[in-house]
N, C-alpha and C. Protein backbone atom coordinates (compact mmCIF):
# COMPACT_ATOMS: atom_id res chain seq x y z
N MET A 1 -33.15 8.54 -223.14
CA MET A 1 -34.21 8.00 -223.97
C MET A 1 -33.82 8.20 -225.44
N PRO A 2 -33.93 7.18 -226.28
CA PRO A 2 -33.54 7.32 -227.68
C PRO A 2 -34.52 8.19 -228.45
N ALA A 3 -33.99 8.85 -229.47
CA ALA A 3 -34.83 9.69 -230.31
C ALA A 3 -35.78 8.82 -231.12
N SER A 4 -36.96 9.30 -231.36
CA SER A 4 -37.97 8.51 -232.09
C SER A 4 -37.69 8.48 -233.59
N GLY A 5 -36.86 9.41 -234.08
CA GLY A 5 -36.57 9.45 -235.50
C GLY A 5 -37.63 10.16 -236.31
N ARG A 6 -38.64 10.68 -235.65
CA ARG A 6 -39.71 11.38 -236.36
C ARG A 6 -39.44 12.86 -236.43
N GLY A 7 -39.98 13.46 -237.46
CA GLY A 7 -39.96 14.91 -237.57
C GLY A 7 -38.59 15.48 -237.85
N GLY A 8 -38.52 16.77 -237.75
CA GLY A 8 -37.28 17.48 -238.00
C GLY A 8 -37.36 18.82 -237.31
N GLN A 9 -36.54 19.71 -237.77
CA GLN A 9 -36.53 21.04 -237.18
C GLN A 9 -37.63 21.89 -237.80
N TRP A 10 -38.29 22.68 -236.97
CA TRP A 10 -39.36 23.55 -237.46
C TRP A 10 -38.77 24.68 -238.29
N ARG A 11 -39.51 25.05 -239.31
CA ARG A 11 -39.14 26.21 -240.12
C ARG A 11 -39.44 27.45 -239.28
N ASN A 12 -38.78 28.52 -239.58
CA ASN A 12 -38.96 29.79 -238.89
C ASN A 12 -40.46 30.14 -238.82
N HIS A 13 -40.97 30.32 -237.61
CA HIS A 13 -42.40 30.60 -237.42
C HIS A 13 -42.84 31.86 -238.15
N ARG A 14 -42.00 32.88 -238.10
CA ARG A 14 -42.36 34.14 -238.75
C ARG A 14 -42.52 33.94 -240.26
N GLN A 15 -41.64 33.15 -240.85
CA GLN A 15 -41.70 32.88 -242.28
C GLN A 15 -43.01 32.15 -242.64
N VAL A 16 -43.39 31.19 -241.83
CA VAL A 16 -44.61 30.43 -242.10
C VAL A 16 -45.84 31.31 -241.90
N ILE A 17 -45.86 32.10 -240.85
CA ILE A 17 -46.99 33.00 -240.60
C ILE A 17 -47.12 34.00 -241.74
N ASN A 18 -46.01 34.55 -242.19
CA ASN A 18 -46.05 35.48 -243.33
C ASN A 18 -46.57 34.80 -244.59
N ALA A 19 -46.22 33.54 -244.79
CA ALA A 19 -46.72 32.79 -245.95
C ALA A 19 -48.23 32.63 -245.86
N ILE A 20 -48.73 32.29 -244.68
CA ILE A 20 -50.17 32.12 -244.50
C ILE A 20 -50.89 33.45 -244.71
N LEU A 21 -50.33 34.52 -244.18
CA LEU A 21 -50.95 35.84 -244.35
C LEU A 21 -50.94 36.26 -245.82
N PHE A 22 -49.85 35.97 -246.53
CA PHE A 22 -49.77 36.28 -247.95
C PHE A 22 -50.89 35.56 -248.70
N LYS A 23 -51.05 34.28 -248.39
CA LYS A 23 -52.08 33.46 -249.05
C LYS A 23 -53.47 34.03 -248.78
N LEU A 24 -53.76 34.36 -247.53
CA LEU A 24 -55.08 34.87 -247.18
C LEU A 24 -55.32 36.26 -247.77
N ARG A 25 -54.27 37.08 -247.81
CA ARG A 25 -54.39 38.45 -248.32
C ARG A 25 -54.61 38.48 -249.83
N THR A 26 -53.89 37.61 -250.56
CA THR A 26 -53.94 37.66 -252.02
C THR A 26 -54.95 36.69 -252.63
N GLY A 27 -55.26 35.61 -251.90
CA GLY A 27 -56.16 34.61 -252.46
C GLY A 27 -55.48 33.72 -253.49
N ALA A 28 -54.16 33.80 -253.56
CA ALA A 28 -53.40 32.99 -254.52
C ALA A 28 -53.43 31.52 -254.12
N PRO A 29 -53.31 30.62 -255.08
CA PRO A 29 -53.21 29.20 -254.74
C PRO A 29 -51.94 28.94 -253.93
N TRP A 30 -51.97 27.90 -253.10
CA TRP A 30 -50.81 27.58 -252.27
C TRP A 30 -49.55 27.41 -253.11
N ARG A 31 -49.68 26.78 -254.25
CA ARG A 31 -48.50 26.50 -255.08
C ARG A 31 -47.86 27.76 -255.65
N ASP A 32 -48.57 28.88 -255.59
CA ASP A 32 -48.04 30.13 -256.12
C ASP A 32 -47.36 31.00 -255.05
N LEU A 33 -47.13 30.46 -253.86
CA LEU A 33 -46.42 31.23 -252.84
C LEU A 33 -45.01 31.54 -253.31
N PRO A 34 -44.53 32.76 -253.11
CA PRO A 34 -43.15 33.09 -253.47
C PRO A 34 -42.15 32.22 -252.69
N GLU A 35 -41.01 31.97 -253.29
CA GLU A 35 -39.98 31.12 -252.68
C GLU A 35 -39.49 31.65 -251.34
N ARG A 36 -39.57 32.96 -251.13
CA ARG A 36 -39.06 33.53 -249.88
C ARG A 36 -39.81 33.01 -248.65
N TYR A 37 -40.99 32.43 -248.85
CA TYR A 37 -41.77 31.88 -247.74
C TYR A 37 -41.48 30.41 -247.49
N GLY A 38 -40.62 29.82 -248.27
CA GLY A 38 -40.29 28.41 -248.10
C GLY A 38 -41.29 27.52 -248.83
N PRO A 39 -41.24 26.22 -248.56
CA PRO A 39 -42.13 25.29 -249.25
C PRO A 39 -43.60 25.57 -248.92
N TRP A 40 -44.43 25.60 -249.95
CA TRP A 40 -45.86 25.89 -249.73
C TRP A 40 -46.51 24.82 -248.88
N LYS A 41 -46.03 23.60 -248.97
CA LYS A 41 -46.65 22.51 -248.19
C LYS A 41 -46.47 22.73 -246.69
N THR A 42 -45.36 23.33 -246.30
CA THR A 42 -45.12 23.60 -244.89
C THR A 42 -46.17 24.57 -244.34
N ALA A 43 -46.39 25.67 -245.06
CA ALA A 43 -47.37 26.66 -244.62
C ALA A 43 -48.78 26.08 -244.63
N HIS A 44 -49.08 25.30 -245.64
CA HIS A 44 -50.41 24.70 -245.74
C HIS A 44 -50.67 23.74 -244.59
N GLU A 45 -49.72 22.90 -244.28
CA GLU A 45 -49.87 21.94 -243.16
C GLU A 45 -49.99 22.66 -241.84
N ARG A 46 -49.19 23.71 -241.63
CA ARG A 46 -49.24 24.45 -240.37
C ARG A 46 -50.59 25.12 -240.19
N LEU A 47 -51.16 25.65 -241.28
CA LEU A 47 -52.48 26.28 -241.20
C LEU A 47 -53.55 25.23 -240.90
N ARG A 48 -53.43 24.06 -241.50
CA ARG A 48 -54.40 22.99 -241.25
C ARG A 48 -54.40 22.56 -239.78
N LYS A 49 -53.21 22.53 -239.18
CA LYS A 49 -53.10 22.11 -237.78
C LYS A 49 -53.64 23.18 -236.87
């Protein structure tokens, strides 16, 4: 079956969970997440889902 061409590889789950926990713990805006957590949009989308 051919690939659909959608999506990509998931970012490390632990990194995303830590980003979400950092956000909830500090109350900082999403855009202020430290770079070590990866793109803020990834963590935000994962939390929304």
